[in-house]
C-alpha atoms as a PDB file:
ATOM      1  CA  MET A   1    -100.556 118.066 -63.427  1.00  0.00           C
ATOM      2  CA  ALA A   2     -97.807 115.586 -65.403  1.00  0.00           C
ATOM      3  CA  PRO A   3     -98.448 111.732 -65.622  1.00  0.00           C
ATOM      4  CA  ALA A   4     -95.393 110.779 -63.554  1.00  0.00           C
ATOM      5  CA  ASP A   5     -96.708 112.934 -60.606  1.00  0.00           C
ATOM      6  CA  ARG A   6    -100.207 111.555 -61.360  1.00  0.00           C
ATOM      7  CA  ASP A   7     -98.667 108.072 -60.804  1.00  0.00           C
ATOM      8  CA  ALA A   8     -96.542 109.004 -57.719  1.00  0.00           C
ATOM      9  CA  VAL A   9     -99.662 110.619 -55.753  1.00  0.00           C
ATOM     10  CA  ALA A  10    -101.381 107.290 -56.642  1.00  0.00           C
ATOM     11  CA  SER A  11     -98.496 105.084 -55.131  1.00  0.00           C
ATOM     12  CA  ARG A  12     -98.504 107.658 -52.166  1.00  0.00           C
ATOM     13  CA  LEU A  13    -102.353 106.505 -51.617  1.00  0.00           C
ATOM     14  CA  GLN A  14    -101.544 102.966 -52.297  1.00  0.00           C
ATOM     15  CA  ALA A  15     -98.711 102.829 -49.890  1.00  0.00           C
ATOM     16  CA  GLY A  16    -100.815 104.488 -46.799  1.00  0.00           C
ATOM     17  CA  GLY A  17     -98.348 106.857 -45.208  1.00  0.00           C
ATOM     18  CA  PHE A  18     -99.566 110.442 -44.624  1.00  0.00           C
ATOM     19  CA  PHE A  19     -98.548 113.139 -47.084  1.00  0.00           C
ATOM     20  CA  TRP A  20     -99.348 116.799 -48.013  1.00  0.00           C
ATOM     21  CA  LEU A  21     -99.927 117.294 -51.442  1.00  0.00           C
ATOM     22  CA  ASP A  22     -99.962 121.311 -52.269  1.00  0.00           C
ATOM     23  CA  ILE A  23    -101.535 122.316 -55.771  1.00  0.00           C
ATOM     24  CA  HIS A  24    -101.198 126.056 -56.805  1.00  0.00           C
ATOM     25  CA  GLY A  25    -103.396 127.345 -59.197  1.00  0.00           C
ATOM     26  CA  PRO A  26    -105.347 123.667 -60.353  1.00  0.00           C
ATOM     27  CA  ASP A  27    -105.462 123.569 -64.366  1.00  0.00           C
ATOM     28  CA  ALA A  28    -107.752 120.670 -66.183  1.00  0.00           C
ATOM     29  CA  GLU A  29    -105.250 118.069 -64.960  1.00  0.00           C
ATOM     30  CA  GLY A  30    -105.175 119.023 -61.437  1.00  0.00           C
ATOM     31  CA  LEU A  31    -108.614 119.100 -61.383  1.00  0.00           C
ATOM     32  CA  ALA A  32    -108.834 115.664 -62.994  1.00  0.00           C
ATOM     33  CA  LEU A  33    -106.366 114.566 -60.389  1.00  0.00           C
ATOM     34  CA  LEU A  34    -108.407 115.397 -57.236  1.00  0.00           C
ATOM     35  CA  ARG A  35    -111.523 113.815 -59.192  1.00  0.00           C
ATOM     36  CA  ASP A  36    -110.053 110.411 -60.374  1.00  0.00           C
ATOM     37  CA  VAL A  37    -107.238 109.677 -58.155  1.00  0.00           C
ATOM     38  CA  PHE A  38    -108.436 111.026 -54.730  1.00  0.00           C
ATOM     39  CA  GLY A  39    -112.116 110.605 -55.853  1.00  0.00           C
ATOM     40  CA  PHE A  40    -113.436 113.630 -54.287  1.00  0.00           C
ATOM     41  CA  HIS A  41    -117.208 114.884 -54.359  1.00  0.00           C
ATOM     42  CA  PRO A  42    -117.995 117.065 -57.367  1.00  0.00           C
ATOM     43  CA  ILE A  43    -119.441 119.773 -55.346  1.00  0.00           C
ATOM     44  CA  ALA A  44    -116.346 119.958 -53.808  1.00  0.00           C
ATOM     45  CA  LEU A  45    -114.445 119.960 -57.076  1.00  0.00           C
ATOM     46  CA  GLU A  46    -116.735 122.713 -58.541  1.00  0.00           C
ATOM     47  CA  ASP A  47    -116.121 125.022 -55.464  1.00  0.00           C
ATOM     48  CA  SER A  48    -112.183 124.314 -55.837  1.00  0.00           C
ATOM     49  CA  GLU A  49    -112.417 125.159 -59.633  1.00  0.00           C
ATOM     50  CA  HIS A  50    -114.354 128.372 -58.977  1.00  0.00           C
ATOM     51  CA  PHE A  51    -113.136 129.409 -55.526  1.00  0.00           C
ATOM     52  CA  GLY A  52    -114.987 132.397 -54.244  1.00  0.00           C
ATOM     53  CA  GLN A  53    -116.348 130.711 -50.987  1.00  0.00           C
ATOM     54  CA  ARG A  54    -116.930 131.238 -47.685  1.00  0.00           C
ATOM     55  CA  PRO A  55    -114.839 130.092 -44.536  1.00  0.00           C
ATOM     56  CA  LYS A  56    -116.263 126.576 -44.109  1.00  0.00           C
ATOM     57  CA  LEU A  57    -116.207 122.761 -43.565  1.00  0.00           C
ATOM     58  CA  ASP A  58    -118.186 120.382 -45.533  1.00  0.00           C
ATOM     59  CA  ALA A  59    -118.090 116.470 -44.040  1.00  0.00           C
ATOM     60  CA  TYR A  60    -117.927 113.563 -46.958  1.00  0.00           C
ATOM     61  CA  ASP A  61    -117.341 109.686 -46.529  1.00  0.00           C
ATOM     62  CA  ASP A  62    -113.979 109.577 -45.339  1.00  0.00           C
ATOM     63  CA  TYR A  63    -112.751 113.063 -45.784  1.00  0.00           C
ATOM     64  CA  VAL A  64    -113.779 116.911 -44.798  1.00  0.00           C
ATOM     65  CA  MET A  65    -113.477 119.857 -47.131  1.00  0.00           C
ATOM     66  CA  LEU A  66    -112.139 122.795 -44.998  1.00  0.00           C
ATOM     67  CA  VAL A  67    -111.714 126.325 -46.481  1.00  0.00           C
ATOM     68  CA  VAL A  68    -109.852 128.971 -44.791  1.00  0.00           C
ATOM     69  CA  TYR A  69    -108.232 132.154 -45.767  1.00  0.00           C
ATOM     70  CA  GLY A  70    -104.786 134.039 -44.859  1.00  0.00           C
ATOM     71  CA  ALA A  71    -102.815 136.909 -45.909  1.00  0.00           C
ATOM     72  CA  ASN A  72    -101.329 137.601 -49.262  1.00  0.00           C
ATOM     73  CA  ARG A  73     -99.720 140.926 -50.882  1.00  0.00           C
ATOM     74  CA  ASP A  74    -101.988 141.561 -54.005  1.00  0.00           C
ATOM     75  CA  GLU A  75    -105.042 143.438 -54.730  1.00  0.00           C
ATOM     76  CA  ASP A  76    -107.641 142.027 -52.035  1.00  0.00           C
ATOM     77  CA  ASP A  77    -104.853 140.909 -49.440  1.00  0.00           C
ATOM     78  CA  LEU A  78    -106.259 137.520 -49.479  1.00  0.00           C
ATOM     79  CA  VAL A  79    -105.833 133.794 -50.181  1.00  0.00           C
ATOM     80  CA  GLU A  80    -108.166 131.596 -50.167  1.00  0.00           C
ATOM     81  CA  VAL A  81    -106.666 127.838 -49.425  1.00  0.00           C
ATOM     82  CA  HIS A  82    -108.914 124.699 -50.069  1.00  0.00           C
ATOM     83  CA  CYS A  83    -107.883 122.069 -47.751  1.00  0.00           C
ATOM     84  CA  PHE A  84    -108.979 118.285 -48.304  1.00  0.00           C
ATOM     85  CA  LEU A  85    -108.214 116.092 -45.599  1.00  0.00           C
ATOM     86  CA  SER A  86    -108.519 112.435 -44.463  1.00  0.00           C
ATOM     87  CA  GLY A  87    -106.308 110.280 -42.546  1.00  0.00           C
ATOM     88  CA  HIS A  88    -104.031 109.453 -44.807  1.00  0.00           C
ATOM     89  CA  TYR A  89    -103.395 112.591 -46.751  1.00  0.00           C
ATOM     90  CA  LEU A  90    -103.827 116.471 -46.624  1.00  0.00           C
ATOM     91  CA  VAL A  91    -104.536 118.538 -49.926  1.00  0.00           C
ATOM     92  CA  THR A  92    -104.398 122.258 -50.107  1.00  0.00           C
ATOM     93  CA  VAL A  93    -105.345 124.192 -53.062  1.00  0.00           C
ATOM     94  CA  HIS A  94    -105.102 127.582 -54.163  1.00  0.00           C
ATOM     95  CA  HIS A  95    -104.998 129.845 -56.899  1.00  0.00           C
ATOM     96  CA  ASP A  96    -103.071 133.164 -55.340  1.00  0.00           C
ATOM     97  CA  ASP A  97     -99.890 132.681 -54.207  1.00  0.00           C
ATOM     98  CA  CYS A  98     -99.171 131.673 -50.415  1.00  0.00           C
ATOM     99  CA  PRO A  99     -96.345 133.181 -48.692  1.00  0.00           C
ATOM    100  CA  ALA A 100     -97.180 131.481 -45.565  1.00  0.00           C
ATOM    101  CA  PHE A 101     -96.609 127.765 -46.613  1.00  0.00           C
ATOM    102  CA  SER A 102     -93.108 128.460 -47.401  1.00  0.00           C
ATOM    103  CA  ASP A 103     -91.671 129.089 -43.910  1.00  0.00           C
ATOM    104  CA  LEU A 104     -94.476 126.024 -42.975  1.00  0.00           C
ATOM    105  CA  ARG A 105     -92.735 123.564 -45.390  1.00  0.00           C
ATOM    106  CA  THR A 106     -89.352 124.306 -43.914  1.00  0.00           C
ATOM    107  CA  ARG A 107     -90.821 123.940 -40.384  1.00  0.00           C
ATOM    108  CA  ILE A 108     -92.400 120.734 -41.103  1.00  0.00           C
ATOM    109  CA  THR A 109     -89.120 119.322 -43.047  1.00  0.00           C
ATOM    110  CA  THR A 110     -86.892 120.501 -40.097  1.00  0.00           C
ATOM    111  CA  HIS A 111     -88.581 119.936 -36.929  1.00  0.00           C
ATOM    112  CA  HIS A 112     -91.421 117.202 -38.201  1.00  0.00           C
ATOM    113  CA  LEU A 113     -94.047 118.417 -36.304  1.00  0.00           C
ATOM    114  CA  HIS A 114     -96.796 115.630 -36.116  1.00  0.00           C
ATOM    115  CA  THR A 115     -96.439 115.046 -39.529  1.00  0.00           C
ATOM    116  CA  ASP A 116     -97.883 111.685 -38.749  1.00  0.00           C
ATOM    117  CA  ASN A 117    -101.117 112.871 -37.846  1.00  0.00           C
ATOM    118  CA  ALA A 118    -103.867 114.635 -39.937  1.00  0.00           C
ATOM    119  CA  ALA A 119    -105.027 116.855 -37.430  1.00  0.00           C
ATOM    120  CA  PHE A 120    -101.700 118.334 -36.395  1.00  0.00           C
ATOM    121  CA  VAL A 121    -100.666 118.645 -40.301  1.00  0.00           C
ATOM    122  CA  LEU A 122    -103.572 120.626 -40.738  1.00  0.00           C
ATOM    123  CA  TYR A 123    -103.474 123.065 -37.526  1.00  0.00           C
ATOM    124  CA  ALA A 124     -99.952 123.848 -38.959  1.00  0.00           C
ATOM    125  CA  VAL A 125    -101.392 124.909 -42.419  1.00  0.00           C
ATOM    126  CA  VAL A 126    -104.321 126.872 -40.478  1.00  0.00           C
ATOM    127  CA  ASP A 127    -102.208 128.395 -38.083  1.00  0.00           C
ATOM    128  CA  ALA A 128     -99.676 129.380 -40.740  1.00  0.00           C
ATOM    129  CA  LEU A 129    -102.634 130.881 -42.488  1.00  0.00           C
ATOM    130  CA  VAL A 130    -104.266 132.610 -39.620  1.00  0.00           C
ATOM    131  CA  ASP A 131    -100.711 133.997 -38.337  1.00  0.00           C
ATOM    132  CA  SER A 132    -100.536 135.526 -41.929  1.00  0.00           C
ATOM    133  CA  PHE A 133    -102.863 138.282 -40.549  1.00  0.00           C
ATOM    134  CA  PHE A 134    -100.912 139.683 -37.933  1.00  0.00           C
ATOM    135  CA  PRO A 135     -98.344 141.449 -40.393  1.00  0.00           C
ATOM    136  CA  LEU A 136    -100.571 142.772 -42.667  1.00  0.00           C
ATOM    137  CA  LEU A 137    -102.830 144.159 -40.121  1.00  0.00           C
ATOM    138  CA  SER A 138     -99.988 146.016 -38.581  1.00  0.00           C
ATOM    139  CA  GLU A 139     -99.381 147.543 -41.599  1.00  0.00           C
ATOM    140  CA  PHE A 140    -102.712 148.996 -41.472  1.00  0.00           C
ATOM    141  CA  ASP A 141    -101.917 150.433 -38.309  1.00  0.00           C
ATOM    142  CA  GLU A 142     -99.090 152.456 -39.430  1.00  0.00           C
ATOM    143  CA  ARG A 143    -101.036 153.406 -42.220  1.00  0.00           C
ATOM    144  CA  ILE A 144    -103.881 154.920 -40.111  1.00  0.00           C
ATOM    145  CA  ASP A 145    -101.620 156.818 -37.648  1.00  0.00           C
ATOM    146  CA  THR A 146     -99.766 158.392 -41.253  1.00  0.00           C
ATOM    147  CA  VAL A 147    -102.864 159.121 -42.554  1.00  0.00           C
ATOM    148  CA  GLU A 148    -103.936 160.970 -39.143  1.00  0.00           C
ATOM    149  CA  ASP A 149    -100.790 162.841 -38.708  1.00  0.00           C
ATOM    150  CA  ARG A 150    -100.949 163.991 -42.397  1.00  0.00           C
ATOM    151  CA  ILE A 151    -104.885 164.680 -41.938  1.00  0.00           C
ATOM    152  CA  PHE A 152    -104.031 167.296 -38.827  1.00  0.00           C
ATOM    153  CA  GLN A 153    -101.094 168.686 -40.900  1.00  0.00           C
ATOM    154  CA  THR A 154    -102.766 169.712 -44.640  1.00  0.00           C
ATOM    155  CA  PRO A 155    -105.982 167.358 -44.933  1.00  0.00           C
ATOM    156  CA  ASP A 156    -106.531 167.145 -49.036  1.00  0.00           C
ATOM    157  CA  ASP A 157    -108.736 164.354 -50.939  1.00  0.00           C
ATOM    158  CA  ALA A 158    -105.820 161.871 -51.134  1.00  0.00           C
ATOM    159  CA  GLN A 159    -105.723 161.210 -47.685  1.00  0.00           C
ATOM    160  CA  LEU A 160    -109.714 160.693 -47.676  1.00  0.00           C
ATOM    161  CA  GLN A 161    -109.088 158.225 -50.454  1.00  0.00           C
ATOM    162  CA  GLU A 162    -106.417 156.683 -48.546  1.00  0.00           C
ATOM    163  CA  VAL A 163    -108.853 155.939 -45.419  1.00  0.00           C
ATOM    164  CA  PHE A 164    -111.651 154.750 -47.975  1.00  0.00           C
ATOM    165  CA  ALA A 165    -109.178 152.293 -49.411  1.00  0.00           C
ATOM    166  CA  ILE A 166    -108.208 150.709 -45.907  1.00  0.00           C
ATOM    167  CA  LYS A 167    -111.974 150.460 -44.415  1.00  0.00           C
ATOM    168  CA  ARG A 168    -112.819 148.896 -47.689  1.00  0.00           C
ATOM    169  CA  THR A 169    -110.138 146.086 -47.146  1.00  0.00           C
ATOM    170  CA  LEU A 170    -110.686 145.862 -43.651  1.00  0.00           C
ATOM    171  CA  VAL A 171    -114.306 145.322 -44.379  1.00  0.00           C
ATOM    172  CA  SER A 172    -113.383 142.212 -46.910  1.00  0.00           C
ATOM    173  CA  LEU A 173    -111.223 140.843 -43.792  1.00  0.00           C
ATOM    174  CA  ARG A 174    -113.956 141.040 -41.351  1.00  0.00           C
ATOM    175  CA  LYS A 175    -116.111 139.349 -43.991  1.00  0.00           C
ATOM    176  CA  VAL A 176    -113.645 136.235 -44.041  1.00  0.00           C
ATOM    177  CA  ILE A 177    -112.516 136.101 -40.343  1.00  0.00           C
ATOM    178  CA  ALA A 178    -116.032 136.294 -38.755  1.00  0.00           C
ATOM    179  CA  PRO A 179    -117.440 133.329 -40.353  1.00  0.00           C
ATOM    180  CA  GLU A 180    -113.515 131.367 -40.076  1.00  0.00           C
ATOM    181  CA  ARG A 181    -113.710 132.228 -36.059  1.00  0.00           C
ATOM    182  CA  ASP A 182    -117.134 131.071 -35.871  1.00  0.00           C
ATOM    183  CA  LEU A 183    -115.902 127.726 -37.854  1.00  0.00           C
ATOM    184  CA  PHE A 184    -113.175 126.863 -35.454  1.00  0.00           C
ATOM    185  CA  ALA A 185    -114.923 127.927 -32.262  1.00  0.00           C
ATOM    186  CA  ARG A 186    -117.167 124.604 -33.456  1.00  0.00           C
ATOM    187  CA  VAL A 187    -113.934 122.742 -34.361  1.00  0.00           C
ATOM    188  CA  ALA A 188    -111.988 123.311 -31.154  1.00  0.00           C
ATOM    189  CA  THR A 189    -114.957 122.258 -29.007  1.00  0.00           C
ATOM    190  CA  GLY A 190    -115.401 119.122 -31.074  1.00  0.00           C
ATOM    191  CA  MET A 191    -118.701 120.284 -32.633  1.00  0.00           C
ATOM    192  CA  VAL A 192    -117.560 119.084 -36.055  1.00  0.00           C
ATOM    193  CA  GLU A 193    -115.357 116.157 -36.789  1.00  0.00           C
ATOM    194  CA  ILE A 194    -111.809 116.348 -38.124  1.00  0.00           C
ATOM    195  CA  PRO A 195    -109.978 112.713 -39.035  1.00  0.00           C
ATOM    196  CA  GLY A 196    -107.346 112.517 -36.162  1.00  0.00           C
ATOM    197  CA  MET A 197    -108.725 115.076 -33.821  1.00  0.00           C
ATOM    198  CA  THR A 198    -107.364 114.018 -30.252  1.00  0.00           C
ATOM    199  CA  PRO A 199    -107.866 116.304 -26.947  1.00  0.00           C
ATOM    200  CA  GLU A 200    -103.992 117.051 -27.485  1.00  0.00           C
ATOM    201  CA  ALA A 201    -104.686 118.030 -30.967  1.00  0.00           C
ATOM    202  CA  GLU A 202    -107.691 120.128 -29.978  1.00  0.00           C
ATOM    203  CA  ARG A 203    -105.823 122.356 -27.462  1.00  0.00           C
ATOM    204  CA  TYR A 204    -103.849 123.590 -30.289  1.00  0.00           C
ATOM    205  CA  TYR A 205    -107.105 124.430 -32.277  1.00  0.00           C
ATOM    206  CA  ARG A 206    -108.038 126.225 -29.195  1.00  0.00           C
ATOM    207  CA  ASN A 207    -104.904 128.591 -29.658  1.00  0.00           C
ATOM    208  CA  VAL A 208    -106.104 129.073 -33.769  1.00  0.00           C
ATOM    209  CA  TYR A 209    -109.695 130.116 -32.360  1.00  0.00           C
ATOM    210  CA  ASP A 210    -108.009 132.463 -29.862  1.00  0.00           C
ATOM    211  CA  HIS A 211    -105.746 134.195 -32.695  1.00  0.00           C
ATOM    212  CA  LEU A 212    -108.747 134.580 -34.762  1.00  0.00           C
ATOM    213  CA  ILE A 213    -110.860 136.125 -31.717  1.00  0.00           C
ATOM    214  CA  ARG A 214    -107.855 138.555 -31.722  1.00  0.00           C
ATOM    215  CA  ILE A 215    -107.596 139.289 -35.550  1.00  0.00           C
ATOM    216  CA  SER A 216    -111.270 140.138 -35.331  1.00  0.00           C
ATOM    217  CA  ASP A 217    -110.901 142.433 -32.426  1.00  0.00           C
ATOM    218  CA  LEU A 218    -107.932 144.385 -34.619  1.00  0.00           C
ATOM    219  CA  ILE A 219    -110.034 144.608 -37.200  1.00  0.00           C
ATOM    220  CA  ASP A 220    -113.009 145.999 -35.482  1.00  0.00           C
ATOM    221  CA  SER A 221    -110.677 148.471 -33.667  1.00  0.00           C
ATOM    222  CA  TYR A 222    -109.202 149.640 -37.084  1.00  0.00           C
ATOM    223  CA  ARG A 223    -112.340 150.374 -38.612  1.00  0.00           C
ATOM    224  CA  ASP A 224    -113.012 152.117 -35.713  1.00  0.00           C
ATOM    225  CA  LEU A 225    -109.846 154.265 -36.090  1.00  0.00           C
ATOM    226  CA  THR A 226    -110.718 154.906 -39.844  1.00  0.00           C
ATOM    227  CA  THR A 227    -114.034 156.043 -39.063  1.00  0.00           C
ATOM    228  CA  GLY A 228    -112.445 158.465 -36.513  1.00  0.00           C
ATOM    229  CA  ALA A 229    -110.078 159.411 -39.397  1.00  0.00           C
ATOM    230  CA  MET A 230    -112.971 160.373 -41.280  1.00  0.00           C
ATOM    231  CA  ASP A 231    -114.567 162.343 -38.746  1.00  0.00           C
ATOM    232  CA  VAL A 232    -111.196 164.246 -38.180  1.00  0.00           C
ATOM    233  CA  TYR A 233    -110.581 165.034 -41.763  1.00  0.00           C
ATOM    234  CA  LEU A 234    -114.261 166.216 -41.728  1.00  0.00           C
ATOM    235  CA  SER A 235    -113.636 168.432 -38.943  1.00  0.00           C
ATOM    236  CA  THR A 236    -110.674 169.816 -40.035  1.00  0.00           C
ATOM    237  CA  VAL A 237    -111.491 170.787 -43.267  1.00  0.00           C
ATOM    238  CA  SER A 238    -114.767 172.334 -41.704  1.00  0.00           C
ATOM    239  CA  ASN A 239    -112.430 174.646 -39.485  1.00  0.00           C
ATOM    240  CA  ARG A 240    -110.385 175.877 -42.096  1.00  0.00           C
ATOM    241  CA  LEU A 241    -113.057 176.591 -43.855  1.00  0.00           C
ATOM    242  CA  ASN A 242    -114.716 178.539 -41.405  1.00  0.00           C
ATOM    243  CA  ALA A 243    -111.448 180.218 -40.859  1.00  0.00           C
ATOM    244  CA  VAL A 244    -111.532 181.366 -44.424  1.00  0.00           C
ATOM    245  CA  MET A 245    -115.253 182.374 -44.214  1.00  0.00           C
ATOM    246  CA  LYS A 246    -114.239 184.046 -41.207  1.00  0.00           C
ATOM    247  CA  ARG A 247    -111.519 186.056 -42.770  1.00  0.00           C
ATOM    248  CA  LEU A 248    -113.620 186.951 -45.827  1.00  0.00           C
ATOM    249  CA  THR A 249    -116.394 188.571 -43.419  1.00  0.00           C
ATOM    250  CA  ILE A 250    -114.084 190.606 -41.832  1.00  0.00           C
ATOM    251  CA  VAL A 251    -112.535 191.682 -44.952  1.00  0.00           C
ATOM    252  CA  ALA A 252    -116.476 192.335 -46.227  1.00  0.00           C
ATOM    253  CA  THR A 253    -117.610 193.882 -43.241  1.00  0.00           C
ATOM    254  CA  ILE A 254    -114.721 196.378 -42.997  1.00  0.00           C
ATOM    255  CA  PHE A 255    -115.267 197.575 -46.992  1.00  0.00           C
ATOM    256  CA  MET A 256    -119.267 197.959 -45.895  1.00  0.00           C
ATOM    257  CA  PRO A 257    -118.345 201.209 -44.241  1.00  0.00           C
ATOM    258  CA  LEU A 258    -115.859 202.517 -46.907  1.00  0.00           C
ATOM    259  CA  THR A 259    -118.227 201.637 -49.687  1.00  0.00           C
ATOM    260  CA  TRP A 260    -121.010 204.243 -47.895  1.00  0.00           C
ATOM    261  CA  LEU A 261    -118.381 206.936 -47.610  1.00  0.00           C
ATOM    262  CA  THR A 262    -117.129 206.919 -51.061  1.00  0.00           C
ATOM    263  CA  GLY A 263    -120.726 206.388 -52.624  1.00  0.00           C
ATOM    264  CA  PHE A 264    -121.888 209.471 -50.078  1.00  0.00           C
ATOM    265  CA  PHE A 265    -118.857 212.053 -51.102  1.00  0.00           C
ATOM    266  CA  GLY A 266    -119.286 210.484 -54.604  1.00  0.00           C
ATOM    267  CA  MET A 267    -123.003 212.482 -55.140  1.00  0.00           C
ATOM    268  CA  ASN A 268    -122.975 215.288 -56.872  1.00  0.00           C
ATOM    269  CA  PHE A 269    -124.856 217.485 -54.739  1.00  0.00           C
ATOM    270  CA  GLY A 270    -124.273 221.060 -55.060  1.00  0.00           C
ATOM    271  CA  ARG A 271    -123.435 221.716 -51.428  1.00  0.00           C
ATOM    272  CA  LEU A 272    -120.923 219.019 -51.392  1.00  0.00           C
ATOM    273  CA  VAL A 273    -119.403 220.240 -55.003  1.00  0.00           C
ATOM    274  CA  LEU A 274    -119.251 223.832 -53.758  1.00  0.00           C
ATOM    275  CA  ASN A 275    -118.130 223.783 -50.338  1.00  0.00           C
ATOM    276  CA  ILE A 276    -115.979 220.647 -49.896  1.00  0.00           C
ATOM    277  CA  THR A 277    -112.586 221.868 -52.162  1.00  0.00           C
ATOM    278  CA  GLY A 278    -108.869 221.949 -51.472  1.00  0.00           C
ATOM    279  CA  TRP A 279    -106.583 219.466 -50.468  1.00  0.00           C
ATOM    280  CA  THR A 280    -107.528 219.515 -46.530  1.00  0.00           C
ATOM    281  CA  ALA A 281    -110.890 218.786 -47.212  1.00  0.00           C
ATOM    282  CA  PHE A 282    -109.832 215.818 -49.522  1.00  0.00           C
ATOM    283  CA  LEU A 283    -107.398 214.517 -46.623  1.00  0.00           C
ATOM    284  CA  THR A 284    -110.112 215.114 -44.112  1.00  0.00           C
ATOM    285  CA  PHE A 285    -113.211 213.729 -45.588  1.00  0.00           C
ATOM    286  CA  GLY A 286    -111.753 211.529 -48.255  1.00  0.00           C
ATOM    287  CA  LEU A 287    -109.097 209.295 -46.040  1.00  0.00           C
ATOM    288  CA  ALA A 288    -109.549 210.318 -42.414  1.00  0.00           C
ATOM    289  CA  THR A 289    -112.882 209.325 -42.268  1.00  0.00           C
ATOM    290  CA  GLN A 290    -112.280 205.834 -44.176  1.00  0.00           C
ATOM    291  CA  VAL A 291    -108.978 205.381 -41.844  1.00  0.00           C
ATOM    292  CA  LEU A 292    -111.074 206.080 -38.424  1.00  0.00           C
ATOM    293  CA  ALA A 293    -113.954 203.853 -39.803  1.00  0.00           C
ATOM    294  CA  VAL A 294    -111.367 201.124 -40.501  1.00  0.00           C
ATOM    295  CA  VAL A 295    -109.984 201.558 -36.978  1.00  0.00           C
ATOM    296  CA  VAL A 296    -113.041 201.637 -34.801  1.00  0.00           C
ATOM    297  CA  MET A 297    -114.190 198.227 -36.682  1.00  0.00           C
ATOM    298  CA  LEU A 298    -110.661 196.727 -36.232  1.00  0.00           C
ATOM    299  CA  LEU A 299    -111.041 197.794 -32.211  1.00  0.00           C
ATOM    300  CA  LEU A 300    -114.876 196.551 -32.278  1.00  0.00           C
ATOM    301  CA  PHE A 301    -113.343 193.013 -33.765  1.00  0.00           C
ATOM    302  CA  ARG A 302    -110.718 192.826 -30.745  1.00  0.00           C
ATOM    303  CA  LYS A 303    -112.974 193.218 -28.090  1.00  0.00           C
ATOM    304  CA  GLN A 304    -115.329 191.035 -29.463  1.00  0.00           C
ATOM    305  CA  GLY A 305    -113.222 188.290 -29.843  1.00  0.00           C
ATOM    306  CA  TRP A 306    -113.672 187.739 -33.596  1.00  0.00           C
ATOM    307  CA  SER A 307    -109.876 188.726 -34.767  1.00  0.00           C
END
């Protein structure tokens, strides 16, 4: 944070008008700005330095700290945002990129969406973060359908790994969506105080809560679908294995009488050696009996429905 920016922020604070400051990847100077200019509590600053917090709302003297999550196209598909809100400012801090904020800045600048009210600006930020989950979940829906179709065609280990990867991501999403949903249930009903909250603003926060319920339901349904896809994979592999074992068993069963016949006529008994001579005996005992045994067994298999 450059000294000029630091002085500009301090001037805005002294002017008393409401403003939104977004800090991406705070360094030592950025944290010093939060500590020295805004005077945030050391515990709140520690959370913003290390991140990895559950969705929560902590109230301090004249401001609140809110931890919320949105979707992001990175390794864990999540972006954690810490919001410091008072009646004069909203400070958002995040380490990852936050694509939802790009469109939000345009909307606020173009339409001036209650930019003078703290609760409405926070609502706009939270609503953008929550709505960013819907495109991500739509992609999961398409991925699950694609994996299921491929499993029905030719199941392999790559598809199973894909199912496990989707399920792990959904579990990670569930860990943040569930507490965030519970948090905004309390905010929407007025159980927790937010600067600038009005009865009209509570209606907007109830809309956020409704979206979080929908997202939670979608995550649960997609987790069920991934579990079903795993069951389909295991069932398909088991059926294919059973079909292979059935064919091998039929082949082995056919060769059992052939092995017995060739073994019997290959024994060196004097009567066999002296009396079975010539091509006629060879064709009759050596080949015809084996062909007859194979035909009889195939007819028996077909009658029993085994082939």
